Structure formats: C-alpha cells, structure tokens
PDB file of N, CA and C in Angstrom:
ATOM      1  N   MET A   1     159.076  10.843 248.637  1.00  0.00           N
ATOM      2  CA  MET A   1     160.274  10.167 249.204  1.00  0.00           C
ATOM      3  C   MET A   1     159.980   8.836 249.671  1.00  0.00           C
ATOM      4  N   ASN A   2     158.505   8.812 249.757  1.00  0.00           N
ATOM      5  CA  ASN A   2     157.734   7.542 250.345  1.00  0.00           C
ATOM      6  C   ASN A   2     157.114   6.937 249.416  1.00  0.00           C
ATOM      7  N   ASP A   3     157.295   7.030 248.050  1.00  0.00           N
ATOM      8  CA  ASP A   3     157.085   6.246 247.116  1.00  0.00           C
ATOM      9  C   ASP A   3     157.448   5.141 246.955  1.00  0.00           C
ATOM     10  N   ASN A   4     156.896   4.060 246.608  1.00  0.00           N
ATOM     11  CA  ASN A   4     157.144   2.843 246.600  1.00  0.00           C
ATOM     12  C   ASN A   4     157.921   2.241 245.868  1.00  0.00           C
ATOM     13  N   SER A   5     158.181   2.860 244.457  1.00  0.00           N
ATOM     14  CA  SER A   5     158.758   3.146 243.325  1.00  0.00           C
ATOM     15  C   SER A   5     160.177   3.549 243.422  1.00  0.00           C
ATOM     16  N   GLN A   6     161.430   2.778 243.037  1.00  0.00           N
ATOM     17  CA  GLN A   6     162.398   3.165 243.333  1.00  0.00           C
ATOM     18  C   GLN A   6     162.943   4.049 242.410  1.00  0.00           C
ATOM     19  N   HIS A   7     162.127   4.165 240.886  1.00  0.00           N
ATOM     20  CA  HIS A   7     162.195   4.519 239.729  1.00  0.00           C
ATOM     21  C   HIS A   7     162.187   6.433 240.143  1.00  0.00           C
ATOM     22  N   VAL A   8     161.109   6.375 241.020  1.00  0.00           N
ATOM     23  CA  VAL A   8     160.384   7.663 241.293  1.00  0.00           C
ATOM     24  C   VAL A   8     161.325   8.413 242.477  1.00  0.00           C
ATOM     25  N   ARG A   9     161.641   7.693 243.364  1.00  0.00           N
ATOM     26  CA  ARG A   9     163.203   8.353 243.823  1.00  0.00           C
ATOM     27  C   ARG A   9     164.474   8.984 243.246  1.00  0.00           C
ATOM     28  N   GLY A  10     164.659   7.748 242.561  1.00  0.00           N
ATOM     29  CA  GLY A  10     165.438   7.772 241.550  1.00  0.00           C
ATOM     30  C   GLY A  10     165.683   9.203 240.864  1.00  0.00           C
ATOM     31  N   SER A  11     164.330   9.731 240.306  1.00  0.00           N
ATOM     32  CA  SER A  11     164.021  10.791 239.461  1.00  0.00           C
ATOM     33  C   SER A  11     164.215  11.692 240.654  1.00  0.00           C
ATOM     34  N   LEU A  12     163.381  11.859 241.496  1.00  0.00           N
ATOM     35  CA  LEU A  12     163.766  13.040 243.029  1.00  0.00           C
ATOM     36  C   LEU A  12     165.800  12.912 242.931  1.00  0.00           C
ATOM     37  N   ALA A  13     166.052  11.581 243.085  1.00  0.00           N
ATOM     38  CA  ALA A  13     167.783  12.271 243.679  1.00  0.00           C
ATOM     39  C   ALA A  13     168.483  12.818 242.024  1.00  0.00           C
ATOM     40  N   LEU A  14     167.523  12.627 240.791  1.00  0.00           N
ATOM     41  CA  LEU A  14     168.409  12.995 240.219  1.00  0.00           C
ATOM     42  C   LEU A  14     168.529  14.816 239.837  1.00  0.00           C
ATOM     43  N   SER A  15     167.338  15.179 240.438  1.00  0.00           N
ATOM     44  CA  SER A  15     166.393  16.367 240.613  1.00  0.00           C
ATOM     45  C   SER A  15     166.605  17.243 241.615  1.00  0.00           C
ATOM     46  N   VAL A  16     166.729  16.754 242.823  1.00  0.00           N
ATOM     47  CA  VAL A  16     166.379  17.305 243.922  1.00  0.00           C
ATOM     48  C   VAL A  16     167.625  18.663 243.835  1.00  0.00           C
ATOM     49  N   CYS A  17     169.391  18.029 243.836  1.00  0.00           N
ATOM     50  CA  CYS A  17     170.214  19.717 243.897  1.00  0.00           C
ATOM     51  C   CYS A  17     169.863  20.400 243.050  1.00  0.00           C
ATOM     52  N   ASP A  18     169.442  20.070 241.840  1.00  0.00           N
ATOM     53  CA  ASP A  18     169.261  21.340 240.750  1.00  0.00           C
ATOM     54  C   ASP A  18     167.980  22.204 241.509  1.00  0.00           C
ATOM     55  N   VAL A  19     167.135  21.558 241.784  1.00  0.00           N
ATOM     56  CA  VAL A  19     166.099  22.582 242.779  1.00  0.00           C
ATOM     57  C   VAL A  19     166.504  23.397 243.818  1.00  0.00           C
ATOM     58  N   ALA A  20     167.548  22.909 244.739  1.00  0.00           N
ATOM     59  CA  ALA A  20     168.299  24.010 245.477  1.00  0.00           C
ATOM     60  C   ALA A  20     168.454  25.047 245.163  1.00  0.00           C
ATOM     61  N   LYS A  21     169.134  24.902 243.653  1.00  0.00           N
ATOM     62  CA  LYS A  21     169.704  26.499 242.909  1.00  0.00           C
ATOM     63  C   LYS A  21     168.758  26.751 242.927  1.00  0.00           C
ATOM     64  N   ASN A  22     167.754  27.244 242.861  1.00  0.00           N
ATOM     65  CA  ASN A  22     166.377  27.891 242.490  1.00  0.00           C
ATOM     66  C   ASN A  22     165.857  28.429 243.588  1.00  0.00           C
ATOM     67  N   LEU A  23     165.891  27.342 244.872  1.00  0.00           N
ATOM     68  CA  LEU A  23     165.526  28.044 245.884  1.00  0.00           C
ATOM     69  C   LEU A  23     166.142  28.764 246.874  1.00  0.00           C
ATOM     70  N   GLY A  24     167.951  28.615 246.761  1.00  0.00           N
ATOM     71  CA  GLY A  24     168.863  29.638 247.497  1.00  0.00           C
ATOM     72  C   GLY A  24     169.183  28.812 248.999  1.00  0.00           C
ATOM     73  N   LYS A  25     170.116  29.088 249.904  1.00  0.00           N
ATOM     74  CA  LYS A  25     170.469  28.842 250.461  1.00  0.00           C
ATOM     75  C   LYS A  25     169.580  28.423 251.733  1.00  0.00           C
ATOM     76  N   GLU A  26     168.908  29.278 252.596  1.00  0.00           N
ATOM     77  CA  GLU A  26     168.368  29.178 253.511  1.00  0.00           C
ATOM     78  C   GLU A  26     167.118  28.309 253.318  1.00  0.00           C
ATOM     79  N   HIS A  27     166.100  28.220 252.257  1.00  0.00           N
ATOM     80  CA  HIS A  27     165.227  27.441 251.561  1.00  0.00           C
ATOM     81  C   HIS A  27     165.406  25.660 251.238  1.00  0.00           C
ATOM     82  N   ALA A  28     166.757  25.860 250.624  1.00  0.00           N
ATOM     83  CA  ALA A  28     167.516  24.738 250.440  1.00  0.00           C
ATOM     84  C   ALA A  28     168.194  23.984 251.744  1.00  0.00           C
ATOM     85  N   LEU A  29     168.323  24.520 252.542  1.00  0.00           N
ATOM     86  CA  LEU A  29     168.520  23.842 253.931  1.00  0.00           C
ATOM     87  C   LEU A  29     167.267  23.639 254.342  1.00  0.00           C
ATOM     88  N   THR A  30     166.069  24.011 254.424  1.00  0.00           N
ATOM     89  CA  THR A  30     165.098  23.854 255.167  1.00  0.00           C
ATOM     90  C   THR A  30     164.138  22.718 254.340  1.00  0.00           C
ATOM     91  N   TYR A  31     164.138  23.188 252.864  1.00  0.00           N
ATOM     92  CA  TYR A  31     163.511  21.874 252.372  1.00  0.00           C
ATOM     93  C   TYR A  31     164.019  20.769 251.722  1.00  0.00           C
ATOM     94  N   ILE A  32     165.304  21.191 250.965  1.00  0.00           N
ATOM     95  CA  ILE A  32     166.374  20.339 250.163  1.00  0.00           C
ATOM     96  C   ILE A  32     167.239  19.209 251.009  1.00  0.00           C
ATOM     97  N   VAL A  33     167.869  19.735 251.818  1.00  0.00           N
ATOM     98  CA  VAL A  33     168.365  18.788 252.743  1.00  0.00           C
ATOM     99  C   VAL A  33     168.173  17.865 253.396  1.00  0.00           C
ATOM    100  N   PRO A  34     166.822  17.894 253.930  1.00  0.00           N
ATOM    101  CA  PRO A  34     166.423  16.364 255.001  1.00  0.00           C
ATOM    102  C   PRO A  34     165.737  15.996 253.728  1.00  0.00           C
ATOM    103  N   VAL A  35     165.585  16.078 252.524  1.00  0.00           N
ATOM    104  CA  VAL A  35     165.014  15.078 251.226  1.00  0.00           C
ATOM    105  C   VAL A  35     166.230  14.226 251.010  1.00  0.00           C
ATOM    106  N   VAL A  36     167.666  15.063 251.097  1.00  0.00           N
ATOM    107  CA  VAL A  36     168.857  14.538 250.500  1.00  0.00           C
ATOM    108  C   VAL A  36     169.314  13.729 251.658  1.00  0.00           C
ATOM    109  N   VAL A  37     169.444  13.843 252.570  1.00  0.00           N
ATOM    110  CA  VAL A  37     169.597  13.093 253.916  1.00  0.00           C
ATOM    111  C   VAL A  37     169.227  11.538 253.430  1.00  0.00           C
ATOM    112  N   GLN A  38     167.562  11.983 253.679  1.00  0.00           N
ATOM    113  CA  GLN A  38     166.833  10.985 253.745  1.00  0.00           C
ATOM    114  C   GLN A  38     167.194   9.965 252.359  1.00  0.00           C
ATOM    115  N   LEU A  39     167.518  10.301 251.375  1.00  0.00           N
ATOM    116  CA  LEU A  39     167.632   9.718 249.765  1.00  0.00           C
ATOM    117  C   LEU A  39     168.902   8.993 250.051  1.00  0.00           C
ATOM    118  N   LEU A  40     169.882   9.746 250.634  1.00  0.00           N
ATOM    119  CA  LEU A  40     171.208   9.092 251.010  1.00  0.00           C
ATOM    120  C   LEU A  40     171.313   7.512 252.143  1.00  0.00           C
ATOM    121  N   LYS A  41     170.228   7.834 252.527  1.00  0.00           N
ATOM    122  CA  LYS A  41     169.859   6.582 253.321  1.00  0.00           C
ATOM    123  C   LYS A  41     168.953   5.149 252.537  1.00  0.00           C
ATOM    124  N   ASP A  42     168.388   5.973 251.434  1.00  0.00           N
ATOM    125  CA  ASP A  42     167.580   5.131 250.805  1.00  0.00           C
ATOM    126  C   ASP A  42     167.574   3.682 250.352  1.00  0.00           C
ATOM    127  N   GLN A  43     167.020   2.672 250.656  1.00  0.00           N
ATOM    128  CA  GLN A  43     167.393   1.227 250.086  1.00  0.00           C
ATOM    129  C   GLN A  43     167.617   0.998 248.895  1.00  0.00           C
ATOM    130  N   ALA A  44     167.144   1.559 248.328  1.00  0.00           N
ATOM    131  CA  ALA A  44     167.818   1.204 246.569  1.00  0.00           C
ATOM    132  C   ALA A  44     168.790   2.044 246.229  1.00  0.00           C
ATOM    133  N   THR A  45     170.020   0.743 245.551  1.00  0.00           N
ATOM    134  CA  THR A  45     171.288   1.274 245.291  1.00  0.00           C
ATOM    135  C   THR A  45     171.336   2.354 244.170  1.00  0.00           C
ATOM    136  N   GLU A  46     170.889   2.485 243.274  1.00  0.00           N
ATOM    137  CA  GLU A  46     170.443   3.459 242.106  1.00  0.00           C
ATOM    138  C   GLU A  46     170.429   4.916 242.671  1.00  0.00           C
ATOM    139  N   VAL A  47     169.110   4.841 243.973  1.00  0.00           N
ATOM    140  CA  VAL A  47     168.758   6.363 244.553  1.00  0.00           C
ATOM    141  C   VAL A  47     170.076   6.898 245.198  1.00  0.00           C
ATOM    142  N   ARG A  48     171.000   5.959 246.090  1.00  0.00           N
ATOM    143  CA  ARG A  48     172.168   6.943 246.646  1.00  0.00           C
ATOM    144  C   ARG A  48     172.983   6.757 245.511  1.00  0.00           C
ATOM    145  N   ILE A  49     173.256   5.876 244.603  1.00  0.00           N
ATOM    146  CA  ILE A  49     174.247   6.428 243.321  1.00  0.00           C
ATOM    147  C   ILE A  49     174.040   7.791 242.743  1.00  0.00           C
ATOM    148  N   ILE A  50     172.502   7.682 242.446  1.00  0.00           N
ATOM    149  CA  ILE A  50     172.241   8.875 241.126  1.00  0.00           C
ATOM    150  C   ILE A  50     172.619  10.218 242.045  1.00  0.00           C
ATOM    151  N   LEU A  51     171.751  10.144 243.496  1.00  0.00           N
ATOM    152  CA  LEU A  51     172.241  11.116 244.359  1.00  0.00           C
ATOM    153  C   LEU A  51     173.435  12.034 244.609  1.00  0.00           C
ATOM    154  N   MET A  52     175.032  10.780 244.803  1.00  0.00           N
ATOM    155  CA  MET A  52     176.036  11.306 244.568  1.00  0.00           C
ATOM    156  C   MET A  52     176.609  11.383 243.568  1.00  0.00           C
ATOM    157  N   GLN A  53     175.979  11.400 242.275  1.00  0.00           N
ATOM    158  CA  GLN A  53     176.531  12.309 241.070  1.00  0.00           C
ATOM    159  C   GLN A  53     176.160  13.162 240.860  1.00  0.00           C
ATOM    160  N   HIS A  54     175.307  13.811 242.011  1.00  0.00           N
ATOM    161  CA  HIS A  54     174.508  15.434 241.689  1.00  0.00           C
ATOM    162  C   HIS A  54     175.049  16.025 242.860  1.00  0.00           C
ATOM    163  N   LEU A  55     175.432  15.690 243.709  1.00  0.00           N
ATOM    164  CA  LEU A  55     175.598  16.537 245.039  1.00  0.00           C
ATOM    165  C   LEU A  55     176.587  17.777 244.587  1.00  0.00           C
ATOM    166  N   ARG A  56     176.936  17.886 243.337  1.00  0.00           N
ATOM    167  CA  ARG A  56     178.411  19.072 243.312  1.00  0.00           C
ATOM    168  C   ARG A  56     177.271  20.299 243.615  1.00  0.00           C
ATOM    169  N   THR A  57     175.890  20.789 242.795  1.00  0.00           N
ATOM    170  CA  THR A  57     175.191  21.774 242.623  1.00  0.00           C
ATOM    171  C   THR A  57     174.638  21.955 244.415  1.00  0.00           C
ATOM    172  N   LEU A  58     174.576  20.905 245.091  1.00  0.00           N
ATOM    173  CA  LEU A  58     173.891  21.380 246.190  1.00  0.00           C
ATOM    174  C   LEU A  58     175.184  21.598 247.237  1.00  0.00           C
ATOM    175  N   THR A  59     176.456  21.042 247.148  1.00  0.00           N
ATOM    176  CA  THR A  59     177.494  22.120 247.698  1.00  0.00           C
ATOM    177  C   THR A  59     177.838  23.458 247.662  1.00  0.00           C
ATOM    178  N   GLU A  60     177.695  23.920 246.062  1.00  0.00           N
ATOM    179  CA  GLU A  60     177.756  25.206 245.776  1.00  0.00           C
ATOM    180  C   GLU A  60     176.484  25.964 246.497  1.00  0.00           C
ATOM    181  N   VAL A  61     175.328  25.543 246.942  1.00  0.00           N
ATOM    182  CA  VAL A  61     174.376  26.252 247.157  1.00  0.00           C
ATOM    183  C   VAL A  61     174.101  26.376 248.999  1.00  0.00           C
ATOM    184  N   ILE A  62     174.660  25.485 249.399  1.00  0.00           N
ATOM    185  CA  ILE A  62     174.248  25.686 250.804  1.00  0.00           C
ATOM    186  C   ILE A  62     175.767  26.001 251.906  1.00  0.00           C
ATOM    187  N   GLY A  63     176.897  25.691 250.993  1.00  0.00           N
ATOM    188  CA  GLY A  63     178.477  26.120 251.393  1.00  0.00           C
ATOM    189  C   GLY A  63     178.953  25.109 252.166  1.00  0.00           C
ATOM    190  N   HIS A  64     180.299  25.284 252.270  1.00  0.00           N
ATOM    191  CA  HIS A  64     181.033  24.104 253.105  1.00  0.00           C
ATOM    192  C   HIS A  64     180.654  23.815 254.492  1.00  0.00           C
ATOM    193  N   TYR A  65     180.145  25.105 254.909  1.00  0.00           N
ATOM    194  CA  TYR A  65     180.107  24.530 256.596  1.00  0.00           C
ATOM    195  C   TYR A  65     178.507  23.577 256.574  1.00  0.00           C
ATOM    196  N   ASP A  66     177.515  24.298 256.484  1.00  0.00           N
ATOM    197  CA  ASP A  66     176.348  23.157 255.971  1.00  0.00           C
ATOM    198  C   ASP A  66     176.674  21.733 255.594  1.00  0.00           C
ATOM    199  N   PHE A  67     177.290  21.549 254.443  1.00  0.00           N
ATOM    200  CA  PHE A  67     177.330  20.804 254.091  1.00  0.00           C
ATOM    201  C   PHE A  67     178.403  19.554 254.789  1.00  0.00           C
ATOM    202  N   ASP A  68     179.509  20.217 255.329  1.00  0.00           N
ATOM    203  CA  ASP A  68     180.001  19.168 256.242  1.00  0.00           C
ATOM    204  C   ASP A  68     179.034  19.308 257.946  1.00  0.00           C
ATOM    205  N   ARG A  69     178.106  19.956 258.174  1.00  0.00           N
ATOM    206  CA  ARG A  69     177.205  19.620 259.277  1.00  0.00           C
ATOM    207  C   ARG A  69     176.320  18.562 259.097  1.00  0.00           C
ATOM    208  N   HIS A  70     175.758  18.616 257.391  1.00  0.00           N
ATOM    209  CA  HIS A  70     174.358  17.791 257.099  1.00  0.00           C
ATOM    210  C   HIS A  70     174.752  16.611 256.459  1.00  0.00           C
ATOM    211  N   ILE A  71     175.440  16.715 255.451  1.00  0.00           N
ATOM    212  CA  ILE A  71     176.104  15.874 254.080  1.00  0.00           C
ATOM    213  C   ILE A  71     176.795  14.660 254.902  1.00  0.00           C
ATOM    214  N   ILE A  72     178.181  15.634 254.848  1.00  0.00           N
ATOM    215  CA  ILE A  72     179.286  14.710 254.967  1.00  0.00           C
ATOM    216  C   ILE A  72     178.956  13.460 256.148  1.00  0.00           C
ATOM    217  N   PRO A  73     178.420  13.637 256.935  1.00  0.00           N
ATOM    218  CA  PRO A  73     177.854  12.226 258.095  1.00  0.00           C
ATOM    219  C   PRO A  73     177.363  11.701 257.281  1.00  0.00           C
ATOM    220  N   GLN A  74     176.180  11.674 256.521  1.00  0.00           N
ATOM    221  CA  GLN A  74     175.727  10.407 255.715  1.00  0.00           C
ATOM    222  C   GLN A  74     176.885   9.865 254.806  1.00  0.00           C
ATOM    223  N   LEU A  75     177.801  10.476 254.106  1.00  0.00           N
ATOM    224  CA  LEU A  75     178.579  10.265 253.239  1.00  0.00           C
ATOM    225  C   LEU A  75     179.390   9.671 253.939  1.00  0.00           C
ATOM    226  N   SER A  76     180.143   9.938 254.991  1.00  0.00           N
ATOM    227  CA  SER A  76     180.985   8.961 255.756  1.00  0.00           C
ATOM    228  C   SER A  76     180.463   7.485 256.116  1.00  0.00           C
ATOM    229  N   GLN A  77     179.119   7.530 256.459  1.00  0.00           N
ATOM    230  CA  GLN A  77     178.295   6.335 256.850  1.00  0.00           C
ATOM    231  C   GLN A  77     178.532   5.292 255.231  1.00  0.00           C
ATOM    232  N   LEU A  78     178.228   6.016 254.202  1.00  0.00           N
ATOM    233  CA  LEU A  78     178.215   5.380 253.119  1.00  0.00           C
ATOM    234  C   LEU A  78     179.750   4.418 252.767  1.00  0.00           C
ATOM    235  N   ALA A  79     180.705   4.783 253.123  1.00  0.00           N
ATOM    236  CA  ALA A  79     181.758   4.445 253.231  1.00  0.00           C
ATOM    237  C   ALA A  79     181.573   3.244 253.477  1.00  0.00           C
ATOM    238  N   ASN A  80     180.974   3.100 254.387  1.00  0.00           N
ATOM    239  CA  ASN A  80     180.655   1.290 254.830  1.00  0.00           C
ATOM    240  C   ASN A  80     179.336   0.345 254.243  1.00  0.00           C
ATOM    241  N   ASP A  81     178.790   1.124 253.429  1.00  0.00           N
ATOM    242  CA  ASP A  81     177.644   0.537 252.688  1.00  0.00           C
ATOM    243  C   ASP A  81     178.529  -0.922 252.071  1.00  0.00           C
ATOM    244  N   LYS A  82     177.536  -1.797 252.076  1.00  0.00           N
ATOM    245  CA  LYS A  82     177.523  -3.304 251.485  1.00  0.00           C
ATOM    246  C   LYS A  82     177.765  -3.213 250.080  1.00  0.00           C
ATOM    247  N   ILE A  83     177.178  -2.251 249.567  1.00  0.00           N
ATOM    248  CA  ILE A  83     177.358  -2.418 247.774  1.00  0.00           C
ATOM    249  C   ILE A  83     178.273  -1.884 247.511  1.00  0.00           C
ATOM    250  N   TRP A  84     179.283  -2.311 246.613  1.00  0.00           N
ATOM    251  CA  TRP A  84     180.483  -1.679 246.060  1.00  0.00           C
ATOM    252  C   TRP A  84     180.436  -0.575 245.096  1.00  0.00           C
ATOM    253  N   ARG A  85     179.217  -0.446 244.334  1.00  0.00           N
ATOM    254  CA  ARG A  85     179.273   0.835 243.627  1.00  0.00           C
ATOM    255  C   ARG A  85     178.324   1.839 244.188  1.00  0.00           C
ATOM    256  N   VAL A  86     178.022   1.570 245.336  1.00  0.00           N
ATOM    257  CA  VAL A  86     177.762   2.993 246.262  1.00  0.00           C
ATOM    258  C   VAL A  86     179.350   3.695 246.744  1.00  0.00           C
ATOM    259  N   LYS A  87     180.327   2.422 247.029  1.00  0.00           N
ATOM    260  CA  LYS A  87     181.294   3.306 247.304  1.00  0.00           C
ATOM    261  C   LYS A  87     182.113   3.750 245.987  1.00  0.00           C
ATOM    262  N   LEU A  88     181.854   2.983 245.158  1.00  0.00           N
ATOM    263  CA  LEU A  88     182.826   4.096 244.344  1.00  0.00           C
ATOM    264  C   LEU A  88     181.986   5.294 243.840  1.00  0.00           C
ATOM    265  N   ALA A  89     180.594   5.032 244.078  1.00  0.00           N
ATOM    266  CA  ALA A  89     180.106   6.532 243.563  1.00  0.00           C
ATOM    267  C   ALA A  89     180.988   7.752 244.755  1.00  0.00           C
ATOM    268  N   LEU A  90     180.803   7.541 245.863  1.00  0.00           N
ATOM    269  CA  LEU A  90     181.724   7.957 246.743  1.00  0.00           C
ATOM    270  C   LEU A  90     183.018   8.609 246.572  1.00  0.00           C
ATOM    271  N   VAL A  91     183.764   7.613 245.921  1.00  0.00           N
ATOM    272  CA  VAL A  91     185.000   7.428 245.586  1.00  0.00           C
ATOM    273  C   VAL A  91     185.045   8.490 244.419  1.00  0.00           C
ATOM    274  N   ASN A  92     184.396   8.856 243.490  1.00  0.00           N
ATOM    275  CA  ASN A  92     184.179   9.574 242.287  1.00  0.00           C
ATOM    276  C   ASN A  92     183.845  10.949 243.056  1.00  0.00           C
ATOM    277  N   PHE A  93     183.232  11.083 244.209  1.00  0.00           N
ATOM    278  CA  PHE A  93     182.821  12.133 243.961  1.00  0.00           C
ATOM    279  C   PHE A  93     183.931  12.899 245.037  1.00  0.00           C
ATOM    280  N   MET A  94     184.758  12.469 245.867  1.00  0.00           N
ATOM    281  CA  MET A  94     185.564  13.020 246.509  1.00  0.00           C
ATOM    282  C   MET A  94     186.556  13.777 245.798  1.00  0.00           C
ATOM    283  N   PRO A  95     187.151  14.126 244.532  1.00  0.00           N
ATOM    284  CA  PRO A  95     188.114  14.942 244.049  1.00  0.00           C
ATOM    285  C   PRO A  95     186.952  16.340 244.116  1.00  0.00           C
ATOM    286  N   GLU A  96     185.523  16.214 243.561  1.00  0.00           N
ATOM    287  CA  GLU A  96     184.833  17.702 243.861  1.00  0.00           C
ATOM    288  C   GLU A  96     184.664  17.859 244.937  1.00  0.00           C
ATOM    289  N   LEU A  97     184.588  17.352 246.127  1.00  0.00           N
ATOM    290  CA  LEU A  97     184.807  17.586 247.233  1.00  0.00           C
ATOM    291  C   LEU A  97     186.244  18.254 247.908  1.00  0.00           C
ATOM    292  N   ALA A  98     187.096  17.669 247.308  1.00  0.00           N
ATOM    293  CA  ALA A  98     188.242  18.255 247.566  1.00  0.00           C
ATOM    294  C   ALA A  98     188.525  19.877 246.855  1.00  0.00           C
ATOM    295  N   LYS A  99     187.936  20.222 246.002  1.00  0.00           N
ATOM    296  CA  LYS A  99     188.316  20.787 245.486  1.00  0.00           C
ATOM    297  C   LYS A  99     187.040  21.998 246.516  1.00  0.00           C
ATOM    298  N   PHE A 100     185.965  21.569 246.572  1.00  0.00           N
ATOM    299  CA  PHE A 100     185.084  22.339 247.228  1.00  0.00           C
ATOM    300  C   PHE A 100     185.289  22.580 249.043  1.00  0.00           C
ATOM    301  N   LEU A 101     185.456  21.821 249.590  1.00  0.00           N
ATOM    302  CA  LEU A 101     185.734  22.031 250.874  1.00  0.00           C
ATOM    303  C   LEU A 101     187.385  22.548 251.458  1.00  0.00           C
ATOM    304  N   GLU A 102     187.338  23.125 252.277  1.00  0.00           N
ATOM    305  CA  GLU A 102     188.873  23.587 252.785  1.00  0.00           C
ATOM    306  C   GLU A 102     189.581  22.510 252.978  1.00  0.00           C
ATOM    307  N   ALA A 103     191.147  22.713 252.742  1.00  0.00           N
ATOM    308  CA  ALA A 103     192.041  21.642 253.337  1.00  0.00           C
ATOM    309  C   ALA A 103     191.656  21.120 254.368  1.00  0.00           C
ATOM    310  N   GLY A 104     191.949  21.873 255.612  1.00  0.00           N
ATOM    311  CA  GLY A 104     191.629  21.419 256.907  1.00  0.00           C
ATOM    312  C   GLY A 104     190.599  20.503 256.807  1.00  0.00           C
ATOM    313  N   LEU A 105     189.374  21.236 256.678  1.00  0.00           N
ATOM    314  CA  LEU A 105     187.941  20.255 256.912  1.00  0.00           C
ATOM    315  C   LEU A 105     187.807  19.107 255.910  1.00  0.00           C
ATOM    316  N   PHE A 106     188.396  18.886 254.423  1.00  0.00           N
ATOM    317  CA  PHE A 106     188.470  17.956 253.632  1.00  0.00           C
ATOM    318  C   PHE A 106     189.382  16.997 254.712  1.00  0.00           C
ATOM    319  N   LYS A 107     190.598  17.065 254.958  1.00  0.00           N
ATOM    320  CA  LYS A 107     191.178  16.159 255.892  1.00  0.00           C
ATOM    321  C   LYS A 107     190.956  15.415 257.185  1.00  0.00           C
ATOM    322  N   GLU A 108     190.257  16.512 257.854  1.00  0.00           N
ATOM    323  CA  GLU A 108     189.789  15.981 259.240  1.00  0.00           C
ATOM    324  C   GLU A 108     188.645  15.380 259.244  1.00  0.00           C
ATOM    325  N   ARG A 109     187.759  15.456 258.243  1.00  0.00           N
ATOM    326  CA  ARG A 109     186.858  15.160 258.014  1.00  0.00           C
ATOM    327  C   ARG A 109     186.355  13.726 256.862  1.00  0.00           C
ATOM    328  N   LEU A 110     187.489  13.616 255.994  1.00  0.00           N
ATOM    329  CA  LEU A 110     187.196  12.540 254.806  1.00  0.00           C
ATOM    330  C   LEU A 110     188.339  12.085 254.819  1.00  0.00           C
ATOM    331  N   GLU A 111     189.322  12.396 255.051  1.00  0.00           N
ATOM    332  CA  GLU A 111     190.590  11.384 255.424  1.00  0.00           C
ATOM    333  C   GLU A 111     190.409  10.195 255.566  1.00  0.00           C
ATOM    334  N   PRO A 112     189.983  10.200 256.820  1.00  0.00           N
ATOM    335  CA  PRO A 112     189.318   8.911 257.566  1.00  0.00           C
ATOM    336  C   PRO A 112     188.575   8.090 256.579  1.00  0.00           C
ATOM    337  N   VAL A 113     187.492   8.747 255.829  1.00  0.00           N
ATOM    338  CA  VAL A 113     186.896   8.022 255.185  1.00  0.00           C
ATOM    339  C   VAL A 113     187.879   7.278 253.971  1.00  0.00           C
ATOM    340  N   ILE A 114     188.383   7.929 253.531  1.00  0.00           N
ATOM    341  CA  ILE A 114     189.320   7.614 252.092  1.00  0.00           C
ATOM    342  C   ILE A 114     190.129   7.143 252.526  1.00  0.00           C
ATOM    343  N   MET A 115     190.653   6.677 253.416  1.00  0.00           N
ATOM    344  CA  MET A 115     191.741   5.474 254.383  1.00  0.00           C
ATOM    345  C   MET A 115     190.958   4.343 254.353  1.00  0.00           C
ATOM    346  N   SER A 116     189.931   4.540 254.499  1.00  0.00           N
ATOM    347  CA  SER A 116     189.084   3.136 254.935  1.00  0.00           C
ATOM    348  C   SER A 116     188.216   2.745 253.482  1.00  0.00           C
ATOM    349  N   LEU A 117     188.103   3.478 252.697  1.00  0.00           N
ATOM    350  CA  LEU A 117     188.084   3.237 251.113  1.00  0.00           C
ATOM    351  C   LEU A 117     188.958   2.405 250.232  1.00  0.00           C
ATOM    352  N   LEU A 118     189.997   2.825 250.676  1.00  0.00           N
ATOM    353  CA  LEU A 118     191.477   2.249 250.405  1.00  0.00           C
ATOM    354  C   LEU A 118     191.676   1.094 250.641  1.00  0.00           C
ATOM    355  N   SER A 119     191.625   0.794 251.958  1.00  0.00           N
ATOM    356  CA  SER A 119     191.772  -0.416 252.501  1.00  0.00           C
ATOM    357  C   SER A 119     190.523  -1.303 252.425  1.00  0.00           C
ATOM    358  N   ASP A 120     189.513  -1.294 251.640  1.00  0.00           N
ATOM    359  CA  ASP A 120     188.369  -2.276 251.310  1.00  0.00           C
ATOM    360  C   ASP A 120     188.742  -2.772 250.695  1.00  0.00           C
ATOM    361  N   SER A 121     188.101  -4.466 251.215  1.00  0.00           N
ATOM    362  CA  SER A 121     188.537  -5.144 250.279  1.00  0.00           C
ATOM    363  C   SER A 121     187.733  -5.814 249.106  1.00  0.00           C
ATOM    364  N   VAL A 122     187.277  -4.934 248.564  1.00  0.00           N
ATOM    365  CA  VAL A 122     186.548  -5.124 247.133  1.00  0.00           C
ATOM    366  C   VAL A 122     187.205  -4.395 246.443  1.00  0.00           C
ATOM    367  N   PHE A 123     187.734  -3.142 246.970  1.00  0.00           N
ATOM    368  CA  PHE A 123     188.815  -2.330 245.967  1.00  0.00           C
ATOM    369  C   PHE A 123     190.024  -2.923 245.979  1.00  0.00           C
TER     370      PHE A 123
END
C-alpha cells in the first residue's frame, strides 16, 4: 500500500476484496478492511475507482453492520471527491449496496449521499 506505483496499488485494489472471501469475516475485518479504507483514500483516481468496482465481494464477507461501520463513512467522503469519475463509480455501486443493505440503513446512511450526488453540478 505504500508502493509509489499507482499500478501496484491498483492491482492490490483489484484483488484485495477477493482475498477477503478466502480469509473469512474475522480475518477480513482485521486485515482486509484497513487496507480497503486506506485504498479508498488513495491519491490515485484509478485506485479508488477499481476498488469501488470490486467492493461487492467485501460486503458479502463482512456483513452489513461492519460494512456500515467501516466502509460507508469512506464512501460518504468520496461523494465530495473532486474527480467526477470517482463520483460516477460511487453512483454505479449504489444499486449493489441497495440490494445488500437493509432498507432503513440504506435510507439513513446513503440517501444523503445520493441526494448530494444528484445535486452535483458535474452530473
């Protein structure tokens, strides 16, 4: 994760969620989630986009409670990202989250994010 090459970090973003499947929930929470959180803050646009395209697997492994606690705050921050492609990746991930999260949780935590994205002048 501290590699200077965004391509290396992008490759990590591509595969880290798949590794979570093999580790199981407890190990994924201990080892994978901190990596995912850091990658969601990466300076390289491609790293953040690639990771969001593969987050579905992590949602299935760690469950909605832990996903809400660890990952959704990072996704909420990405709604304010300066790069429109990051916002688009977030919008594209929302239907997957809607299927996975309980309706009340989705409405409470992500409806404000969706509303801010809808009012974004770039879209």
